[in-house]
Amino acid sequence: MRPFIEIPADEGTAEAVVARPDDGAHPGVLLFMDAIGLRPRIEEMADRIASWGYVVLAPNTFYRLGTAAQTSPPSDMDLTDPEQRAEFGTVSIPRVGTLTQERMEADLPHYIAALRGLDGVADGPIGVTGYCMGAKFATRAAGLDPRVAACGGFHGAAIATSDPDSPHRRLVDAQASFVYGHADNDGTNPPEDVARLDAALTEHGLRARTAVYPDAPHGFTMSDTSSYQEAGAERHFTELRELFDATLGA
């Protein structure tokens, strides 16, 4: 991976990868990683979004637990092997619980400020996209900062639960347009949660495109794991680009 930048965050310093199309001025996008960590696949995804004409910042949202290297799979682990993917899940899944509402919402202003402070980020609205637990970050960001004009969430986990601190409750203050691509038969995002999210988007009059991607498992965008589904991953890139181009105007 290319060298990281460092972001002063709420309880320490978060490493982040930056991807940019060229030296010109472009809209900014925050990319929130999944539970597997800030690793080459996240950099690849940031590069692809950057190729559309955006400056992309992807922070290590697990910074409280260690560096990007410490919180990502070791180099000798092959997550395309279902057994090794399950083994790493015993480590990564408990980490998600450390990212409480309070911690996420304390960190988000730092991530947004870091993005807007990057060379080449144009003044104006920004976009966010998130994967797995990162979809919660993206949804909260859209509700907390009116400069977020576009929000994507893919194979999200626990975005719209019955809990009082559920991320979807932030949508009351959102002004963004949304696209959500849900995994099929996803235990972390059951049909009742999908319906609850759709109802909230409608209730608050938000422009949104949502769908359950057929036969797509949780983690379908992540080509370095056994959960990867090419059809779902490519559909997500298409729909996310359409959202960003329509709202951010690269």
Protein backbone atom coordinates (compact mmCIF):
# COMPACT_ATOMS: atom_id res chain seq x y z
CA MET A 1 0.00 0.00 0.00
CA ARG A 2 1.06 3.60 -0.53
CA PRO A 3 2.16 5.63 2.52
CA PHE A 4 -0.64 6.65 4.85
CA ILE A 5 -1.43 10.15 6.03
CA GLU A 6 -2.26 10.71 9.70
CA ILE A 7 -5.46 12.28 11.01
CA PRO A 8 -5.77 13.67 14.54
CA ALA A 9 -8.96 11.96 15.73
CA ASP A 10 -10.95 12.01 18.95
CA GLU A 11 -8.77 9.59 20.94
CA GLY A 12 -5.54 9.38 19.00
CA THR A 13 -4.23 9.39 15.46
CA ALA A 14 -5.92 7.55 12.61
CA GLU A 15 -3.97 6.46 9.56
CA ALA A 16 -5.69 6.97 6.22
CA VAL A 17 -5.13 6.25 2.57
CA VAL A 18 -5.69 8.99 -0.02
CA ALA A 19 -6.53 8.39 -3.66
CA ARG A 20 -6.81 11.16 -6.24
CA PRO A 21 -7.30 11.28 -10.02
CA ASP A 22 -4.74 14.01 -10.75
CA ASP A 23 -3.49 17.34 -9.45
CA GLY A 24 -6.70 19.25 -10.21
CA ALA A 25 -9.55 20.20 -7.89
CA HIS A 26 -12.23 17.56 -7.39
CA PRO A 27 -15.09 16.82 -4.98
CA GLY A 28 -14.12 14.87 -1.89
CA VAL A 29 -15.35 11.44 -0.83
CA LEU A 30 -14.95 9.58 2.46
CA LEU A 31 -14.73 5.80 2.21
CA PHE A 32 -15.47 3.90 5.42
CA MET A 33 -13.90 0.45 5.53
CA ASP A 34 -15.45 -2.84 6.57
CA ALA A 35 -14.54 -4.83 9.68
CA ILE A 36 -11.57 -6.50 8.00
CA GLY A 37 -9.51 -3.32 8.13
CA LEU A 38 -7.62 -0.75 6.09
CA ARG A 39 -5.81 -2.97 3.61
CA PRO A 40 -4.99 -3.23 -0.11
CA ARG A 41 -8.58 -4.00 -1.13
CA ILE A 42 -9.78 -0.76 0.43
CA GLU A 43 -7.04 1.11 -1.39
CA GLU A 44 -8.12 -0.53 -4.67
CA MET A 45 -11.69 0.59 -4.10
CA ALA A 46 -10.55 4.13 -3.25
CA ASP A 47 -8.48 4.21 -6.44
CA ARG A 48 -11.44 3.13 -8.53
CA ILE A 49 -13.68 5.84 -7.08
CA ALA A 50 -10.88 8.36 -7.58
CA SER A 51 -10.71 7.40 -11.26
CA TRP A 52 -14.24 8.80 -11.63
CA GLY A 53 -12.97 12.26 -10.67
CA TYR A 54 -12.98 12.37 -6.85
CA VAL A 55 -10.40 12.76 -4.09
CA VAL A 56 -10.97 9.86 -1.71
CA LEU A 57 -9.96 9.52 1.94
CA ALA A 58 -10.27 6.14 3.68
CA PRO A 59 -9.42 6.24 7.42
CA ASN A 60 -8.53 3.40 9.77
CA THR A 61 -11.63 3.67 11.93
CA PHE A 62 -10.15 1.03 14.27
CA TYR A 63 -7.29 3.34 15.23
CA ARG A 64 -8.10 3.02 18.96
CA LEU A 65 -7.25 -0.69 18.72
CA GLY A 66 -4.01 -0.36 16.77
CA THR A 67 -2.47 0.61 13.48
CA ALA A 68 -3.88 -0.38 10.11
CA ALA A 69 -1.32 -3.18 9.93
CA GLN A 70 -2.21 -4.43 13.40
CA THR A 71 -5.96 -4.48 12.76
CA SER A 72 -5.85 -6.02 9.27
CA PRO A 73 -5.30 -9.71 8.41
CA PRO A 74 -1.68 -10.91 8.53
CA SER A 75 0.02 -11.28 5.18
CA ASP A 76 0.02 -15.08 5.40
CA MET A 77 -3.76 -15.30 5.87
CA ASP A 78 -5.88 -16.02 2.79
CA LEU A 79 -9.41 -14.74 3.34
CA THR A 80 -10.59 -16.23 0.06
CA ASP A 81 -10.45 -19.51 1.98
CA PRO A 82 -13.79 -19.70 3.85
CA GLU A 83 -12.18 -21.34 6.88
CA GLN A 84 -9.55 -18.63 7.22
CA ARG A 85 -12.20 -15.96 6.62
CA ALA A 86 -14.24 -17.42 9.47
CA GLU A 87 -11.14 -17.58 11.66
CA PHE A 88 -10.42 -13.89 11.15
CA GLY A 89 -14.06 -13.13 11.87
CA THR A 90 -13.55 -14.28 15.45
CA VAL A 91 -11.09 -11.39 15.77
CA SER A 92 -12.72 -8.72 13.61
CA ILE A 93 -16.35 -9.04 14.67
CA PRO A 94 -15.76 -8.16 18.36
CA ARG A 95 -13.90 -5.04 17.23
CA VAL A 96 -17.06 -3.67 15.65
CA GLY A 97 -18.68 -3.46 19.06
CA THR A 98 -16.02 -1.01 20.23
CA LEU A 99 -17.28 1.56 17.71
CA THR A 100 -20.15 2.96 19.74
CA GLN A 101 -22.42 5.75 18.59
CA GLU A 102 -20.48 8.17 20.76
CA ARG A 103 -17.13 7.16 19.30
CA MET A 104 -18.29 7.21 15.70
CA GLU A 105 -19.91 10.60 16.05
CA ALA A 106 -16.89 12.01 17.87
CA ASP A 107 -14.57 10.85 15.08
CA LEU A 108 -16.67 11.90 12.09
CA PRO A 109 -15.94 15.66 12.29
CA HIS A 110 -12.22 14.88 12.29
CA TYR A 111 -12.51 12.68 9.21
CA ILE A 112 -14.60 15.26 7.36
CA ALA A 113 -12.20 18.07 8.28
CA ALA A 114 -9.24 15.97 7.12
CA LEU A 115 -10.93 15.28 3.78
CA ARG A 116 -11.82 18.90 3.20
CA GLY A 117 -8.30 19.95 4.14
CA LEU A 118 -6.62 17.76 1.51
CA ASP A 119 -4.93 19.44 -1.43
CA GLY A 120 -7.15 19.25 -4.47
CA VAL A 121 -10.48 18.88 -2.67
CA ALA A 122 -12.89 21.38 -4.15
CA ASP A 123 -15.13 23.55 -2.02
CA GLY A 124 -18.68 22.30 -1.95
CA PRO A 125 -20.54 19.15 -1.04
CA ILE A 126 -18.88 15.83 -0.30
CA GLY A 127 -19.83 12.18 -0.65
CA VAL A 128 -19.53 9.23 1.72
CA THR A 129 -19.67 5.50 1.16
CA GLY A 130 -19.36 2.66 3.64
CA TYR A 131 -19.18 -1.11 3.76
CA CYS A 132 -20.35 -3.48 6.49
CA MET A 133 -19.87 -1.44 9.69
CA GLY A 134 -18.72 1.43 7.47
CA ALA A 135 -22.30 1.85 6.23
CA LYS A 136 -23.17 2.95 9.78
CA PHE A 137 -20.43 5.59 9.63
CA ALA A 138 -21.68 6.80 6.26
CA THR A 139 -25.30 7.00 7.42
CA ARG A 140 -24.37 8.90 10.56
CA ALA A 141 -22.20 11.29 8.56
CA ALA A 142 -25.12 12.15 6.28
CA GLY A 143 -27.24 13.04 9.29
CA LEU A 144 -24.56 14.98 11.15
CA ASP A 145 -23.13 17.21 8.43
CA PRO A 146 -25.28 18.99 5.81
CA ARG A 147 -22.27 19.16 3.48
CA VAL A 148 -22.71 15.42 2.85
CA ALA A 149 -24.74 15.43 -0.37
CA ALA A 150 -24.38 11.78 -1.35
CA CYS A 151 -24.31 8.67 0.82
CA GLY A 152 -23.77 5.05 -0.17
CA GLY A 153 -24.03 2.00 2.06
CA PHE A 154 -23.32 -1.56 0.92
CA HIS A 155 -23.75 -4.88 2.72
CA GLY A 156 -24.35 -2.71 5.76
CA ALA A 157 -24.74 -4.16 9.23
CA ALA A 158 -27.18 -2.84 11.85
CA ILE A 159 -28.01 0.38 9.99
CA ALA A 160 -31.67 0.48 11.03
CA THR A 161 -32.32 -1.48 14.18
CA SER A 162 -34.85 -0.97 16.96
CA ASP A 163 -32.13 0.43 19.22
CA PRO A 164 -32.50 4.07 20.30
CA ASP A 165 -29.03 4.89 18.96
CA SER A 166 -29.54 3.19 15.58
CA PRO A 167 -27.79 5.08 12.74
CA HIS A 168 -30.99 5.49 10.73
CA ARG A 169 -32.37 7.81 13.41
CA ARG A 170 -29.88 10.42 12.20
CA LEU A 171 -31.68 10.61 8.85
CA VAL A 172 -34.12 13.13 10.30
CA ASP A 173 -31.42 15.79 9.79
CA ALA A 174 -30.01 14.49 6.49
CA GLN A 175 -30.09 16.41 3.22
CA ALA A 176 -28.20 13.88 1.11
CA SER A 177 -29.27 11.53 -1.64
CA PHE A 178 -28.74 7.85 -0.88
CA VAL A 179 -28.04 4.49 -2.42
CA TYR A 180 -28.08 1.30 -0.38
CA GLY A 181 -27.21 -2.14 -1.72
CA HIS A 182 -28.10 -4.84 0.79
CA ALA A 183 -26.76 -8.37 0.92
CA ASP A 184 -29.26 -11.17 0.42
CA ASN A 185 -30.07 -13.35 3.45
CA ASP A 186 -27.81 -11.20 5.65
CA GLY A 187 -28.08 -11.99 9.34
CA THR A 188 -26.52 -8.64 10.22
CA ASN A 189 -29.19 -6.78 8.24
CA PRO A 190 -32.46 -8.78 8.30
CA PRO A 191 -35.54 -7.88 6.21
CA GLU A 192 -37.17 -6.00 9.08
CA ASP A 193 -34.14 -3.71 9.29
CA VAL A 194 -34.17 -3.14 5.53
CA ALA A 195 -37.85 -2.22 5.73
CA ARG A 196 -37.19 0.09 8.68
CA LEU A 197 -34.49 1.92 6.74
CA ASP A 198 -36.72 2.31 3.68
CA ALA A 199 -39.51 3.66 5.87
CA ALA A 200 -37.18 6.23 7.45
CA LEU A 201 -35.90 7.41 4.07
CA THR A 202 -39.49 7.83 2.88
CA GLU A 203 -40.65 9.49 6.10
CA HIS A 204 -37.98 12.15 5.86
CA GLY A 205 -38.54 12.79 2.16
CA LEU A 206 -35.04 11.73 1.13
CA ARG A 207 -34.11 10.74 -2.37
CA ALA A 208 -32.95 7.15 -2.20
CA ARG A 209 -32.31 4.06 -4.28
CA THR A 210 -32.31 0.85 -2.27
CA ALA A 211 -32.25 -2.82 -3.22
CA VAL A 212 -31.40 -6.26 -1.95
CA TYR A 213 -28.81 -7.64 -4.36
CA PRO A 214 -29.80 -11.17 -5.43
CA ASP A 215 -27.73 -13.99 -3.95
CA ALA A 216 -25.13 -11.48 -2.74
CA PRO A 217 -23.57 -12.50 0.59
CA HIS A 218 -22.52 -10.13 3.31
CA GLY A 219 -19.21 -8.64 2.19
CA PHE A 220 -19.94 -9.05 -1.52
CA THR A 221 -17.73 -6.12 -2.59
CA MET A 222 -14.59 -7.48 -0.97
CA SER A 223 -12.60 -9.36 -3.62
CA ASP A 224 -9.97 -10.45 -1.10
CA THR A 225 -12.48 -12.62 0.77
CA SER A 226 -14.62 -15.69 0.17
CA SER A 227 -17.71 -13.44 0.32
CA TYR A 228 -16.92 -11.71 -2.96
CA GLN A 229 -19.61 -11.67 -5.62
CA GLU A 230 -18.55 -9.98 -8.86
CA ALA A 231 -22.09 -9.15 -9.99
CA GLY A 232 -22.91 -7.41 -6.72
CA ALA A 233 -19.58 -5.62 -6.55
CA GLU A 234 -19.87 -4.26 -10.07
CA ARG A 235 -23.49 -3.24 -9.56
CA HIS A 236 -22.45 -1.35 -6.45
CA PHE A 237 -19.74 0.55 -8.34
CA THR A 238 -22.23 1.47 -11.08
CA GLU A 239 -24.90 2.70 -8.69
CA LEU A 240 -22.43 4.56 -6.47
CA ARG A 241 -20.90 6.34 -9.45
CA GLU A 242 -24.31 7.36 -10.71
CA LEU A 243 -25.12 8.80 -7.28
CA PHE A 244 -21.87 10.72 -6.96
CA ASP A 245 -21.95 12.06 -10.49
CA ALA A 246 -25.52 13.26 -10.09
CA THR A 247 -24.97 14.98 -6.75
CA LEU A 248 -21.31 15.99 -6.63
CA GLY A 249 -20.79 16.72 -10.31
CA ALA A 250 -17.26 15.47 -10.92
